[in-house]
PDB file of N, CA and C in Angstrom:
ATOM      1  N   MET A   1      27.357  29.220 -12.364  1.00  0.00           N
ATOM      2  CA  MET A   1      28.519  28.454 -11.980  1.00  0.00           C
ATOM      3  C   MET A   1      29.214  29.121 -10.790  1.00  0.00           C
ATOM      4  N   LEU A   2      29.723  30.337 -10.931  1.00  0.00           N
ATOM      5  CA  LEU A   2      30.360  31.010  -9.814  1.00  0.00           C
ATOM      6  C   LEU A   2      29.304  31.689  -8.955  1.00  0.00           C
ATOM      7  N   ASP A   3      29.528  31.658  -7.664  1.00  0.00           N
ATOM      8  CA  ASP A   3      28.598  32.265  -6.722  1.00  0.00           C
ATOM      9  C   ASP A   3      29.122  33.601  -6.208  1.00  0.00           C
ATOM     10  N   HIS A   4      30.406  33.625  -5.829  1.00  0.00           N
ATOM     11  CA  HIS A   4      31.032  34.859  -5.359  1.00  0.00           C
ATOM     12  C   HIS A   4      32.548  34.718  -5.399  1.00  0.00           C
ATOM     13  N   VAL A   5      33.254  35.837  -5.243  1.00  0.00           N
ATOM     14  CA  VAL A   5      34.715  35.842  -5.275  1.00  0.00           C
ATOM     15  C   VAL A   5      35.224  36.625  -4.074  1.00  0.00           C
ATOM     16  N   GLY A   6      36.253  36.117  -3.425  1.00  0.00           N
ATOM     17  CA  GLY A   6      36.900  36.806  -2.317  1.00  0.00           C
ATOM     18  C   GLY A   6      38.326  37.154  -2.676  1.00  0.00           C
ATOM     19  N   VAL A   7      38.758  38.368  -2.326  1.00  0.00           N
ATOM     20  CA  VAL A   7      40.098  38.831  -2.641  1.00  0.00           C
ATOM     21  C   VAL A   7      40.779  39.291  -1.362  1.00  0.00           C
ATOM     22  N   GLN A   8      41.998  38.822  -1.126  1.00  0.00           N
ATOM     23  CA  GLN A   8      42.776  39.297   0.012  1.00  0.00           C
ATOM     24  C   GLN A   8      43.515  40.559  -0.397  1.00  0.00           C
ATOM     25  N   VAL A   9      43.503  41.534   0.497  1.00  0.00           N
ATOM     26  CA  VAL A   9      44.130  42.824   0.217  1.00  0.00           C
ATOM     27  C   VAL A   9      44.984  43.243   1.413  1.00  0.00           C
ATOM     28  N   SER A  10      45.956  44.107   1.161  1.00  0.00           N
ATOM     29  CA  SER A  10      46.849  44.523   2.240  1.00  0.00           C
ATOM     30  C   SER A  10      46.189  45.522   3.184  1.00  0.00           C
ATOM     31  N   ASP A  11      45.209  46.269   2.704  1.00  0.00           N
ATOM     32  CA  ASP A  11      44.513  47.263   3.517  1.00  0.00           C
ATOM     33  C   ASP A  11      43.040  47.252   3.128  1.00  0.00           C
ATOM     34  N   VAL A  12      42.220  46.586   3.930  1.00  0.00           N
ATOM     35  CA  VAL A  12      40.801  46.424   3.587  1.00  0.00           C
ATOM     36  C   VAL A  12      40.112  47.781   3.452  1.00  0.00           C
ATOM     37  N   GLU A  13      40.361  48.668   4.386  1.00  0.00           N
ATOM     38  CA  GLU A  13      39.686  49.971   4.347  1.00  0.00           C
ATOM     39  C   GLU A  13      40.036  50.752   3.077  1.00  0.00           C
ATOM     40  N   ALA A  14      41.323  50.762   2.721  1.00  0.00           N
ATOM     41  CA  ALA A  14      41.744  51.463   1.506  1.00  0.00           C
ATOM     42  C   ALA A  14      41.132  50.814   0.261  1.00  0.00           C
ATOM     43  N   SER A  15      41.130  49.488   0.221  1.00  0.00           N
ATOM     44  CA  SER A  15      40.542  48.786  -0.926  1.00  0.00           C
ATOM     45  C   SER A  15      39.045  49.025  -1.004  1.00  0.00           C
ATOM     46  N   LEU A  16      38.402  49.032   0.163  1.00  0.00           N
ATOM     47  CA  LEU A  16      36.963  49.295   0.199  1.00  0.00           C
ATOM     48  C   LEU A  16      36.662  50.678  -0.378  1.00  0.00           C
ATOM     49  N   THR A  17      37.436  51.667   0.022  1.00  0.00           N
ATOM     50  CA  THR A  17      37.249  53.025  -0.492  1.00  0.00           C
ATOM     51  C   THR A  17      37.400  53.050  -2.016  1.00  0.00           C
ATOM     52  N   PHE A  18      38.428  52.344  -2.509  1.00  0.00           N
ATOM     53  CA  PHE A  18      38.637  52.289  -3.949  1.00  0.00           C
ATOM     54  C   PHE A  18      37.456  51.638  -4.669  1.00  0.00           C
ATOM     55  N   TYR A  19      37.077  50.433  -4.253  1.00  0.00           N
ATOM     56  CA  TYR A  19      36.015  49.715  -4.952  1.00  0.00           C
ATOM     57  C   TYR A  19      34.673  50.433  -4.869  1.00  0.00           C
ATOM     58  N   LEU A  20      34.374  50.997  -3.703  1.00  0.00           N
ATOM     59  CA  LEU A  20      33.110  51.717  -3.570  1.00  0.00           C
ATOM     60  C   LEU A  20      33.097  52.956  -4.461  1.00  0.00           C
ATOM     61  N   GLY A  21      34.227  53.598  -4.576  1.00  0.00           N
ATOM     62  CA  GLY A  21      34.292  54.788  -5.422  1.00  0.00           C
ATOM     63  C   GLY A  21      34.320  54.456  -6.899  1.00  0.00           C
ATOM     64  N   ALA A  22      35.212  53.579  -7.268  1.00  0.00           N
ATOM     65  CA  ALA A  22      35.397  53.265  -8.682  1.00  0.00           C
ATOM     66  C   ALA A  22      34.193  52.565  -9.301  1.00  0.00           C
ATOM     67  N   PHE A  23      33.530  51.720  -8.525  1.00  0.00           N
ATOM     68  CA  PHE A  23      32.447  50.934  -9.095  1.00  0.00           C
ATOM     69  C   PHE A  23      31.058  51.380  -8.653  1.00  0.00           C
ATOM     70  N   ALA A  24      30.980  52.543  -8.036  1.00  0.00           N
ATOM     71  CA  ALA A  24      29.677  53.109  -7.655  1.00  0.00           C
ATOM     72  C   ALA A  24      28.723  53.223  -8.849  1.00  0.00           C
ATOM     73  N   PRO A  25      29.220  53.546 -10.041  1.00  0.00           N
ATOM     74  CA  PRO A  25      28.299  53.627 -11.186  1.00  0.00           C
ATOM     75  C   PRO A  25      27.591  52.303 -11.514  1.00  0.00           C
ATOM     76  N   LEU A  26      28.173  51.211 -11.028  1.00  0.00           N
ATOM     77  CA  LEU A  26      27.549  49.903 -11.243  1.00  0.00           C
ATOM     78  C   LEU A  26      26.631  49.513 -10.098  1.00  0.00           C
ATOM     79  N   GLY A  27      26.497  50.385  -9.120  1.00  0.00           N
ATOM     80  CA  GLY A  27      25.652  50.098  -7.970  1.00  0.00           C
ATOM     81  C   GLY A  27      26.345  49.321  -6.868  1.00  0.00           C
ATOM     82  N   VAL A  28      27.683  49.209  -6.927  1.00  0.00           N
ATOM     83  CA  VAL A  28      28.430  48.466  -5.906  1.00  0.00           C
ATOM     84  C   VAL A  28      28.355  49.209  -4.579  1.00  0.00           C
ATOM     85  N   HIS A  29      28.012  48.460  -3.538  1.00  0.00           N
ATOM     86  CA  HIS A  29      27.891  49.037  -2.200  1.00  0.00           C
ATOM     87  C   HIS A  29      28.161  47.966  -1.144  1.00  0.00           C
ATOM     88  N   GLU A  30      28.519  48.420   0.060  1.00  0.00           N
ATOM     89  CA  GLU A  30      28.786  47.508   1.173  1.00  0.00           C
ATOM     90  C   GLU A  30      27.470  47.011   1.744  1.00  0.00           C
ATOM     91  N   VAL A  31      27.385  45.682   1.966  1.00  0.00           N
ATOM     92  CA  VAL A  31      26.165  45.117   2.553  1.00  0.00           C
ATOM     93  C   VAL A  31      26.430  44.282   3.799  1.00  0.00           C
ATOM     94  N   LEU A  32      27.683  43.902   4.039  1.00  0.00           N
ATOM     95  CA  LEU A  32      27.972  43.049   5.186  1.00  0.00           C
ATOM     96  C   LEU A  32      29.416  43.268   5.620  1.00  0.00           C
ATOM     97  N   ARG A  33      29.605  43.281   6.928  1.00  0.00           N
ATOM     98  CA  ARG A  33      30.950  43.438   7.491  1.00  0.00           C
ATOM     99  C   ARG A  33      30.995  42.622   8.779  1.00  0.00           C
ATOM    100  N   PHE A  34      32.070  41.834   8.944  1.00  0.00           N
ATOM    101  CA  PHE A  34      32.241  41.126  10.209  1.00  0.00           C
ATOM    102  C   PHE A  34      33.720  41.001  10.539  1.00  0.00           C
ATOM    103  N   PRO A  35      34.030  40.972  11.847  1.00  0.00           N
ATOM    104  CA  PRO A  35      35.429  40.936  12.273  1.00  0.00           C
ATOM    105  C   PRO A  35      36.059  39.564  12.067  1.00  0.00           C
ATOM    106  N   VAL A  36      37.343  39.592  11.783  1.00  0.00           N
ATOM    107  CA  VAL A  36      38.186  38.394  11.738  1.00  0.00           C
ATOM    108  C   VAL A  36      39.491  38.768  12.428  1.00  0.00           C
ATOM    109  N   ASP A  37      40.326  37.781  12.704  1.00  0.00           N
ATOM    110  CA  ASP A  37      41.623  38.069  13.320  1.00  0.00           C
ATOM    111  C   ASP A  37      42.383  39.077  12.471  1.00  0.00           C
ATOM    112  N   GLY A  38      42.762  40.166  13.080  1.00  0.00           N
ATOM    113  CA  GLY A  38      43.562  41.151  12.375  1.00  0.00           C
ATOM    114  C   GLY A  38      42.797  42.115  11.502  1.00  0.00           C
ATOM    115  N   GLY A  39      41.494  42.193  11.631  1.00  0.00           N
ATOM    116  CA  GLY A  39      40.754  43.149  10.808  1.00  0.00           C
ATOM    117  C   GLY A  39      39.306  42.778  10.620  1.00  0.00           C
ATOM    118  N   PHE A  40      38.844  42.944   9.404  1.00  0.00           N
ATOM    119  CA  PHE A  40      37.459  42.633   9.105  1.00  0.00           C
ATOM    120  C   PHE A  40      37.314  42.217   7.652  1.00  0.00           C
ATOM    121  N   VAL A  41      36.214  41.553   7.357  1.00  0.00           N
ATOM    122  CA  VAL A  41      35.846  41.131   6.007  1.00  0.00           C
ATOM    123  C   VAL A  41      34.641  41.959   5.603  1.00  0.00           C
ATOM    124  N   VAL A  42      34.628  42.388   4.352  1.00  0.00           N
ATOM    125  CA  VAL A  42      33.531  43.215   3.842  1.00  0.00           C
ATOM    126  C   VAL A  42      32.941  42.553   2.609  1.00  0.00           C
ATOM    127  N   GLY A  43      31.609  42.443   2.578  1.00  0.00           N
ATOM    128  CA  GLY A  43      30.897  41.936   1.418  1.00  0.00           C
ATOM    129  C   GLY A  43      30.307  43.084   0.632  1.00  0.00           C
ATOM    130  N   LEU A  44      30.611  43.130  -0.664  1.00  0.00           N
ATOM    131  CA  LEU A  44      30.083  44.156  -1.551  1.00  0.00           C
ATOM    132  C   LEU A  44      29.059  43.530  -2.490  1.00  0.00           C
ATOM    133  N   ALA A  45      28.044  44.307  -2.813  1.00  0.00           N
ATOM    134  CA  ALA A  45      26.983  43.833  -3.701  1.00  0.00           C
ATOM    135  C   ALA A  45      26.739  44.852  -4.798  1.00  0.00           C
ATOM    136  N   GLY A  46      26.054  44.391  -5.804  1.00  0.00           N
ATOM    137  CA  GLY A  46      25.567  45.274  -6.854  1.00  0.00           C
ATOM    138  C   GLY A  46      24.137  45.664  -6.542  1.00  0.00           C
ATOM    139  N   ARG A  47      23.414  46.007  -7.565  1.00  0.00           N
ATOM    140  CA  ARG A  47      22.036  46.482  -7.402  1.00  0.00           C
ATOM    141  C   ARG A  47      21.104  45.444  -6.781  1.00  0.00           C
ATOM    142  N   ASP A  48      21.438  44.153  -6.937  1.00  0.00           N
ATOM    143  CA  ASP A  48      20.572  43.113  -6.374  1.00  0.00           C
ATOM    144  C   ASP A  48      20.721  42.964  -4.864  1.00  0.00           C
ATOM    145  N   GLY A  49      21.741  43.604  -4.269  1.00  0.00           N
ATOM    146  CA  GLY A  49      21.924  43.559  -2.825  1.00  0.00           C
ATOM    147  C   GLY A  49      22.557  42.292  -2.293  1.00  0.00           C
ATOM    148  N   VAL A  50      22.984  41.382  -3.162  1.00  0.00           N
ATOM    149  CA  VAL A  50      23.581  40.115  -2.742  1.00  0.00           C
ATOM    150  C   VAL A  50      25.100  40.259  -2.755  1.00  0.00           C
ATOM    151  N   PRO A  51      25.778  40.037  -1.610  1.00  0.00           N
ATOM    152  CA  PRO A  51      27.231  40.189  -1.590  1.00  0.00           C
ATOM    153  C   PRO A  51      27.906  39.113  -2.435  1.00  0.00           C
ATOM    154  N   LYS A  52      28.596  39.552  -3.485  1.00  0.00           N
ATOM    155  CA  LYS A  52      29.262  38.618  -4.384  1.00  0.00           C
ATOM    156  C   LYS A  52      30.742  38.909  -4.539  1.00  0.00           C
ATOM    157  N   PHE A  53      31.196  40.020  -3.981  1.00  0.00           N
ATOM    158  CA  PHE A  53      32.610  40.373  -4.036  1.00  0.00           C
ATOM    159  C   PHE A  53      33.057  40.708  -2.624  1.00  0.00           C
ATOM    160  N   TRP A  54      34.067  39.984  -2.142  1.00  0.00           N
ATOM    161  CA  TRP A  54      34.478  40.079  -0.740  1.00  0.00           C
ATOM    162  C   TRP A  54      35.922  40.557  -0.631  1.00  0.00           C
ATOM    163  N   LEU A  55      36.169  41.431   0.310  1.00  0.00           N
ATOM    164  CA  LEU A  55      37.513  41.903   0.623  1.00  0.00           C
ATOM    165  C   LEU A  55      37.863  41.416   2.023  1.00  0.00           C
ATOM    166  N   SER A  56      39.067  40.869   2.177  1.00  0.00           N
ATOM    167  CA  SER A  56      39.511  40.401   3.490  1.00  0.00           C
ATOM    168  C   SER A  56      40.989  40.694   3.661  1.00  0.00           C
ATOM    169  N   PRO A  57      41.477  40.715   4.917  1.00  0.00           N
ATOM    170  CA  PRO A  57      42.898  40.990   5.152  1.00  0.00           C
ATOM    171  C   PRO A  57      43.784  39.895   4.573  1.00  0.00           C
ATOM    172  N   ALA A  58      44.915  40.289   4.011  1.00  0.00           N
ATOM    173  CA  ALA A  58      45.892  39.330   3.494  1.00  0.00           C
ATOM    174  C   ALA A  58      46.468  38.519   4.642  1.00  0.00           C
ATOM    175  N   LEU A  59      46.808  37.288   4.376  1.00  0.00           N
ATOM    176  CA  LEU A  59      47.385  36.417   5.397  1.00  0.00           C
ATOM    177  C   LEU A  59      48.830  36.778   5.699  1.00  0.00           C
ATOM    178  N   GLY A  60      49.475  37.493   4.824  1.00  0.00           N
ATOM    179  CA  GLY A  60      50.867  37.900   5.008  1.00  0.00           C
ATOM    180  C   GLY A  60      51.267  38.818   3.876  1.00  0.00           C
ATOM    181  N   PRO A  61      52.487  39.299   3.899  1.00  0.00           N
ATOM    182  CA  PRO A  61      52.896  40.273   2.887  1.00  0.00           C
ATOM    183  C   PRO A  61      52.931  39.717   1.463  1.00  0.00           C
ATOM    184  N   GLU A  62      53.186  38.436   1.319  1.00  0.00           N
ATOM    185  CA  GLU A  62      53.276  37.853  -0.024  1.00  0.00           C
ATOM    186  C   GLU A  62      52.098  36.958  -0.377  1.00  0.00           C
ATOM    187  N   THR A  63      51.241  36.682   0.579  1.00  0.00           N
ATOM    188  CA  THR A  63      50.152  35.740   0.354  1.00  0.00           C
ATOM    189  C   THR A  63      48.960  36.446  -0.273  1.00  0.00           C
ATOM    190  N   ARG A  64      48.467  35.912  -1.339  1.00  0.00           N
ATOM    191  CA  ARG A  64      47.261  36.422  -1.971  1.00  0.00           C
ATOM    192  C   ARG A  64      46.387  35.225  -2.345  1.00  0.00           C
ATOM    193  N   GLU A  65      45.799  34.645  -1.333  1.00  0.00           N
ATOM    194  CA  GLU A  65      44.944  33.481  -1.532  1.00  0.00           C
ATOM    195  C   GLU A  65      43.652  33.904  -2.229  1.00  0.00           C
ATOM    196  N   LEU A  66      43.334  33.257  -3.311  1.00  0.00           N
ATOM    197  CA  LEU A  66      42.086  33.506  -4.014  1.00  0.00           C
ATOM    198  C   LEU A  66      40.992  32.639  -3.408  1.00  0.00           C
ATOM    199  N   HIS A  67      39.800  33.194  -3.300  1.00  0.00           N
ATOM    200  CA  HIS A  67      38.637  32.427  -2.841  1.00  0.00           C
ATOM    201  C   HIS A  67      37.597  32.448  -3.952  1.00  0.00           C
ATOM    202  N   VAL A  68      37.179  31.271  -4.377  1.00  0.00           N
ATOM    203  CA  VAL A  68      36.155  31.144  -5.405  1.00  0.00           C
ATOM    204  C   VAL A  68      35.084  30.192  -4.902  1.00  0.00           C
ATOM    205  N   ALA A  69      33.829  30.595  -5.047  1.00  0.00           N
ATOM    206  CA  ALA A  69      32.716  29.736  -4.627  1.00  0.00           C
ATOM    207  C   ALA A  69      31.903  29.315  -5.848  1.00  0.00           C
ATOM    208  N   PHE A  70      31.569  28.048  -5.882  1.00  0.00           N
ATOM    209  CA  PHE A  70      30.761  27.500  -6.953  1.00  0.00           C
ATOM    210  C   PHE A  70      29.364  27.217  -6.415  1.00  0.00           C
ATOM    211  N   ALA A  71      28.356  27.638  -7.140  1.00  0.00           N
ATOM    212  CA  ALA A  71      26.968  27.461  -6.716  1.00  0.00           C
ATOM    213  C   ALA A  71      26.570  25.992  -6.828  1.00  0.00           C
ATOM    214  N   ALA A  72      25.930  25.480  -5.793  1.00  0.00           N
ATOM    215  CA  ALA A  72      25.434  24.105  -5.769  1.00  0.00           C
ATOM    216  C   ALA A  72      23.912  24.123  -5.770  1.00  0.00           C
ATOM    217  N   PRO A  73      23.277  23.150  -6.411  1.00  0.00           N
ATOM    218  CA  PRO A  73      21.817  23.146  -6.482  1.00  0.00           C
ATOM    219  C   PRO A  73      21.122  22.728  -5.184  1.00  0.00           C
ATOM    220  N   ASP A  74      21.856  22.058  -4.277  1.00  0.00           N
ATOM    221  CA  ASP A  74      21.265  21.598  -3.016  1.00  0.00           C
ATOM    222  C   ASP A  74      22.372  21.163  -2.064  1.00  0.00           C
ATOM    223  N   ARG A  75      21.986  20.825  -0.826  1.00  0.00           N
ATOM    224  CA  ARG A  75      22.962  20.388   0.186  1.00  0.00           C
ATOM    225  C   ARG A  75      23.649  19.088  -0.218  1.00  0.00           C
ATOM    226  N   GLU A  76      22.909  18.219  -0.856  1.00  0.00           N
ATOM    227  CA  GLU A  76      23.492  16.936  -1.272  1.00  0.00           C
ATOM    228  C   GLU A  76      24.658  17.149  -2.233  1.00  0.00           C
ATOM    229  N   ALA A  77      24.549  18.142  -3.081  1.00  0.00           N
ATOM    230  CA  ALA A  77      25.638  18.430  -4.018  1.00  0.00           C
ATOM    231  C   ALA A  77      26.862  18.950  -3.266  1.00  0.00           C
ATOM    232  N   VAL A  78      26.652  19.777  -2.233  1.00  0.00           N
ATOM    233  CA  VAL A  78      27.766  20.257  -1.402  1.00  0.00           C
ATOM    234  C   VAL A  78      28.446  19.066  -0.737  1.00  0.00           C
ATOM    235  N   ASP A  79      27.645  18.155  -0.184  1.00  0.00           N
ATOM    236  CA  ASP A  79      28.200  16.959   0.458  1.00  0.00           C
ATOM    237  C   ASP A  79      28.953  16.086  -0.547  1.00  0.00           C
ATOM    238  N   ALA A  80      28.438  16.012  -1.776  1.00  0.00           N
ATOM    239  CA  ALA A  80      29.106  15.223  -2.817  1.00  0.00           C
ATOM    240  C   ALA A  80      30.449  15.844  -3.200  1.00  0.00           C
ATOM    241  N   VAL A  81      30.522  17.161  -3.261  1.00  0.00           N
ATOM    242  CA  VAL A  81      31.792  17.839  -3.526  1.00  0.00           C
ATOM    243  C   VAL A  81      32.790  17.513  -2.409  1.00  0.00           C
ATOM    244  N   HIS A  82      32.319  17.578  -1.181  1.00  0.00           N
ATOM    245  CA  HIS A  82      33.174  17.254  -0.034  1.00  0.00           C
ATOM    246  C   HIS A  82      33.726  15.837  -0.155  1.00  0.00           C
ATOM    247  N   ALA A  83      32.856  14.889  -0.423  1.00  0.00           N
ATOM    248  CA  ALA A  83      33.278  13.488  -0.527  1.00  0.00           C
ATOM    249  C   ALA A  83      34.285  13.288  -1.659  1.00  0.00           C
ATOM    250  N   ALA A  84      34.027  13.899  -2.794  1.00  0.00           N
ATOM    251  CA  ALA A  84      34.935  13.761  -3.941  1.00  0.00           C
ATOM    252  C   ALA A  84      36.290  14.406  -3.643  1.00  0.00           C
ATOM    253  N   ALA A  85      36.268  15.549  -2.987  1.00  0.00           N
ATOM    254  CA  ALA A  85      37.518  16.241  -2.661  1.00  0.00           C
ATOM    255  C   ALA A  85      38.348  15.437  -1.667  1.00  0.00           C
ATOM    256  N   VAL A  86      37.697  14.871  -0.653  1.00  0.00           N
ATOM    257  CA  VAL A  86      38.400  14.035   0.329  1.00  0.00           C
ATOM    258  C   VAL A  86      39.000  12.817  -0.373  1.00  0.00           C
ATOM    259  N   ALA A  87      38.236  12.209  -1.256  1.00  0.00           N
ATOM    260  CA  ALA A  87      38.734  11.042  -1.995  1.00  0.00           C
ATOM    261  C   ALA A  87      39.938  11.400  -2.855  1.00  0.00           C
ATOM    262  N   ALA A  88      39.981  12.636  -3.320  1.00  0.00           N
ATOM    263  CA  ALA A  88      41.095  13.082  -4.160  1.00  0.00           C
ATOM    264  C   ALA A  88      42.281  13.578  -3.331  1.00  0.00           C
ATOM    265  N   GLY A  89      42.136  13.593  -2.004  1.00  0.00           N
ATOM    266  CA  GLY A  89      43.219  13.996  -1.134  1.00  0.00           C
ATOM    267  C   GLY A  89      43.292  15.480  -0.842  1.00  0.00           C
ATOM    268  N   ALA A  90      42.234  16.217  -1.137  1.00  0.00           N
ATOM    269  CA  ALA A  90      42.229  17.657  -0.883  1.00  0.00           C
ATOM    270  C   ALA A  90      42.175  17.946   0.615  1.00  0.00           C
ATOM    271  N   GLN A  91      42.763  19.065   1.018  1.00  0.00           N
ATOM    272  CA  GLN A  91      42.668  19.516   2.402  1.00  0.00           C
ATOM    273  C   GLN A  91      41.298  20.148   2.601  1.00  0.00           C
ATOM    274  N   VAL A  92      40.614  19.737   3.661  1.00  0.00           N
ATOM    275  CA  VAL A  92      39.317  20.310   3.993  1.00  0.00           C
ATOM    276  C   VAL A  92      39.551  21.437   4.996  1.00  0.00           C
ATOM    277  N   LEU A  93      39.209  22.651   4.604  1.00  0.00           N
ATOM    278  CA  LEU A  93      39.344  23.799   5.500  1.00  0.00           C
ATOM    279  C   LEU A  93      38.176  23.847   6.475  1.00  0.00           C
ATOM    280  N   HIS A  94      36.978  23.617   5.963  1.00  0.00           N
ATOM    281  CA  HIS A  94      35.770  23.569   6.791  1.00  0.00           C
ATOM    282  C   HIS A  94      34.827  22.547   6.175  1.00  0.00           C
ATOM    283  N   ALA A  95      34.500  21.507   6.935  1.00  0.00           N
ATOM    284  CA  ALA A  95      33.571  20.479   6.465  1.00  0.00           C
ATOM    285  C   ALA A  95      32.198  21.104   6.207  1.00  0.00           C
ATOM    286  N   PRO A  96      31.376  20.430   5.438  1.00  0.00           N
ATOM    287  CA  PRO A  96      30.056  20.988   5.134  1.00  0.00           C
ATOM    288  C   PRO A  96      29.262  21.284   6.399  1.00  0.00           C
ATOM    289  N   ARG A  97      28.707  22.480   6.427  1.00  0.00           N
ATOM    290  CA  ARG A  97      27.841  22.870   7.534  1.00  0.00           C
ATOM    291  C   ARG A  97      27.082  24.128   7.134  1.00  0.00           C
ATOM    292  N   GLU A  98      26.112  24.476   7.955  1.00  0.00           N
ATOM    293  CA  GLU A  98      25.397  25.731   7.762  1.00  0.00           C
ATOM    294  C   GLU A  98      26.220  26.861   8.391  1.00  0.00           C
ATOM    295  N   TRP A  99      26.242  27.995   7.731  1.00  0.00           N
ATOM    296  CA  TRP A  99      26.987  29.178   8.171  1.00  0.00           C
ATOM    297  C   TRP A  99      25.991  30.301   8.434  1.00  0.00           C
ATOM    298  N   PRO A 100      25.337  30.312   9.587  1.00  0.00           N
ATOM    299  CA  PRO A 100      24.315  31.324   9.855  1.00  0.00           C
ATOM    300  C   PRO A 100      24.868  32.740   9.952  1.00  0.00           C
ATOM    301  N   GLU A 101      26.181  32.886  10.196  1.00  0.00           N
ATOM    302  CA  GLU A 101      26.749  34.229  10.241  1.00  0.00           C
ATOM    303  C   GLU A 101      26.712  34.899   8.866  1.00  0.00           C
ATOM    304  N   TYR A 102      26.607  34.093   7.820  1.00  0.00           N
ATOM    305  CA  TYR A 102      26.457  34.652   6.473  1.00  0.00           C
ATOM    306  C   TYR A 102      24.986  34.946   6.199  1.00  0.00           C
ATOM    307  N   HIS A 103      24.141  33.932   6.342  1.00  0.00           N
ATOM    308  CA  HIS A 103      22.687  34.102   6.311  1.00  0.00           C
ATOM    309  C   HIS A 103      22.047  32.745   6.565  1.00  0.00           C
ATOM    310  N   PRO A 104      20.810  32.722   7.061  1.00  0.00           N
ATOM    311  CA  PRO A 104      20.134  31.449   7.304  1.00  0.00           C
ATOM    312  C   PRO A 104      20.059  30.620   6.015  1.00  0.00           C
ATOM    313  N   GLY A 105      20.356  29.344   6.128  1.00  0.00           N
ATOM    314  CA  GLY A 105      20.292  28.445   4.981  1.00  0.00           C
ATOM    315  C   GLY A 105      21.578  28.346   4.177  1.00  0.00           C
ATOM    316  N   TYR A 106      22.596  29.156   4.519  1.00  0.00           N
ATOM    317  CA  TYR A 106      23.879  29.105   3.798  1.00  0.00           C
ATOM    318  C   TYR A 106      24.584  27.823   4.216  1.00  0.00           C
ATOM    319  N   TYR A 107      24.785  26.920   3.267  1.00  0.00           N
ATOM    320  CA  TYR A 107      25.395  25.624   3.542  1.00  0.00           C
ATOM    321  C   TYR A 107      26.581  25.460   2.605  1.00  0.00           C
ATOM    322  N   GLY A 108      27.785  25.304   3.167  1.00  0.00           N
ATOM    323  CA  GLY A 108      28.950  25.227   2.307  1.00  0.00           C
ATOM    324  C   GLY A 108      30.058  24.363   2.855  1.00  0.00           C
ATOM    325  N   VAL A 109      30.954  23.999   1.948  1.00  0.00           N
ATOM    326  CA  VAL A 109      32.188  23.305   2.281  1.00  0.00           C
ATOM    327  C   VAL A 109      33.325  24.132   1.704  1.00  0.00           C
ATOM    328  N   PHE A 110      34.418  24.248   2.479  1.00  0.00           N
ATOM    329  CA  PHE A 110      35.583  25.023   2.059  1.00  0.00           C
ATOM    330  C   PHE A 110      36.775  24.083   1.942  1.00  0.00           C
ATOM    331  N   LEU A 111      37.465  24.156   0.820  1.00  0.00           N
ATOM    332  CA  LEU A 111      38.560  23.247   0.510  1.00  0.00           C
ATOM    333  C   LEU A 111      39.781  24.032   0.064  1.00  0.00           C
ATOM    334  N   ARG A 112      40.953  23.406   0.138  1.00  0.00           N
ATOM    335  CA  ARG A 112      42.191  23.999  -0.368  1.00  0.00           C
ATOM    336  C   ARG A 112      42.500  23.316  -1.698  1.00  0.00           C
ATOM    337  N   ASP A 113      42.642  24.101  -2.771  1.00  0.00           N
ATOM    338  CA  ASP A 113      42.970  23.482  -4.052  1.00  0.00           C
ATOM    339  C   ASP A 113      44.464  23.183  -4.126  1.00  0.00           C
ATOM    340  N   LEU A 114      44.910  22.644  -5.245  1.00  0.00           N
ATOM    341  CA  LEU A 114      46.306  22.209  -5.375  1.00  0.00           C
ATOM    342  C   LEU A 114      47.297  23.362  -5.343  1.00  0.00           C
ATOM    343  N   ASP A 115      46.832  24.567  -5.636  1.00  0.00           N
ATOM    344  CA  ASP A 115      47.703  25.738  -5.598  1.00  0.00           C
ATOM    345  C   ASP A 115      47.557  26.543  -4.324  1.00  0.00           C
ATOM    346  N   GLY A 116      46.785  26.026  -3.368  1.00  0.00           N
ATOM    347  CA  GLY A 116      46.644  26.703  -2.085  1.00  0.00           C
ATOM    348  C   GLY A 116      45.464  27.647  -1.985  1.00  0.00           C
ATOM    349  N   HIS A 117      44.623  27.705  -3.009  1.00  0.00           N
ATOM    350  CA  HIS A 117      43.472  28.595  -2.974  1.00  0.00           C
ATOM    351  C   HIS A 117      42.305  27.979  -2.208  1.00  0.00           C
ATOM    352  N   ASN A 118      41.491  28.844  -1.638  1.00  0.00           N
ATOM    353  CA  ASN A 118      40.309  28.454  -0.871  1.00  0.00           C
ATOM    354  C   ASN A 118      39.131  28.375  -1.834  1.00  0.00           C
ATOM    355  N   VAL A 119      38.665  27.175  -2.102  1.00  0.00           N
ATOM    356  CA  VAL A 119      37.539  26.978  -3.017  1.00  0.00           C
ATOM    357  C   VAL A 119      36.353  26.411  -2.247  1.00  0.00           C
ATOM    358  N   GLU A 120      35.184  26.779  -2.664  1.00  0.00           N
ATOM    359  CA  GLU A 120      33.974  26.470  -1.910  1.00  0.00           C
ATOM    360  C   GLU A 120      32.864  25.994  -2.833  1.00  0.00           C
ATOM    361  N   ALA A 121      32.041  25.102  -2.313  1.00  0.00           N
ATOM    362  CA  ALA A 121      30.755  24.786  -2.917  1.00  0.00           C
ATOM    363  C   ALA A 121      29.707  25.265  -1.946  1.00  0.00           C
ATOM    364  N   VAL A 122      28.702  25.997  -2.435  1.00  0.00           N
ATOM    365  CA  VAL A 122      27.704  26.599  -1.553  1.00  0.00           C
ATOM    366  C   VAL A 122      26.293  26.448  -2.106  1.00  0.00           C
ATOM    367  N   TYR A 123      25.384  26.156  -1.177  1.00  0.00           N
ATOM    368  CA  TYR A 123      23.955  26.129  -1.470  1.00  0.00           C
ATOM    369  C   TYR A 123      23.322  27.146  -0.537  1.00  0.00           C
ATOM    370  N   HIS A 124      22.499  28.012  -1.078  1.00  0.00           N
ATOM    371  CA  HIS A 124      21.935  29.102  -0.272  1.00  0.00           C
ATOM    372  C   HIS A 124      20.611  28.769   0.411  1.00  0.00           C
ATOM    373  N   GLY A 125      20.088  27.599   0.190  1.00  0.00           N
ATOM    374  CA  GLY A 125      18.872  27.201   0.890  1.00  0.00           C
ATOM    375  C   GLY A 125      17.670  28.047   0.528  1.00  0.00           C
ATOM    376  N   GLY A 126      16.586  27.804   1.272  1.00  0.00           N
ATOM    377  CA  GLY A 126      15.352  28.530   0.952  1.00  0.00           C
ATOM    378  C   GLY A 126      14.960  29.499   2.013  1.00  0.00           C
TER     379      GLY A 126
END
C-alpha cells in the first residue's frame, strides 16, 4: 500500500546525521541526494537499497507537510487517481508524468489532500 514517506525537517543535515546514526543497525543509509530551493532532499534506504524515507527542508518555521506515496500497479491506475482527485476538487501539485530524476520508469501524480499534505500515487515501471 505505502511506497515511501517524506518528512520535512528544519535542518536536513542534522536530521540526516541523526537518522543515519540511530538507524544504522537496521541498514539505513543514504542512496540519493538532489538540490531543491533552499537546500537538498535526501533519500534513505534500508538493506534493499530502495529509498523509502525522505528528508527535505521545511517550507517554513511552522510548516510540517507530510508526504505519503501509495503504490500503484500501473500507469493507468496513477491516471485514474488523478482523474478521481480532480473530480473531487483536489489541488493537483504535479499532473501525472514520468520523473526521470528519481529513476527511469517512475510515473507519479502529486496531489494536495484536504489537510494540506502532499499525497502521491506512483508506479515504478519496469
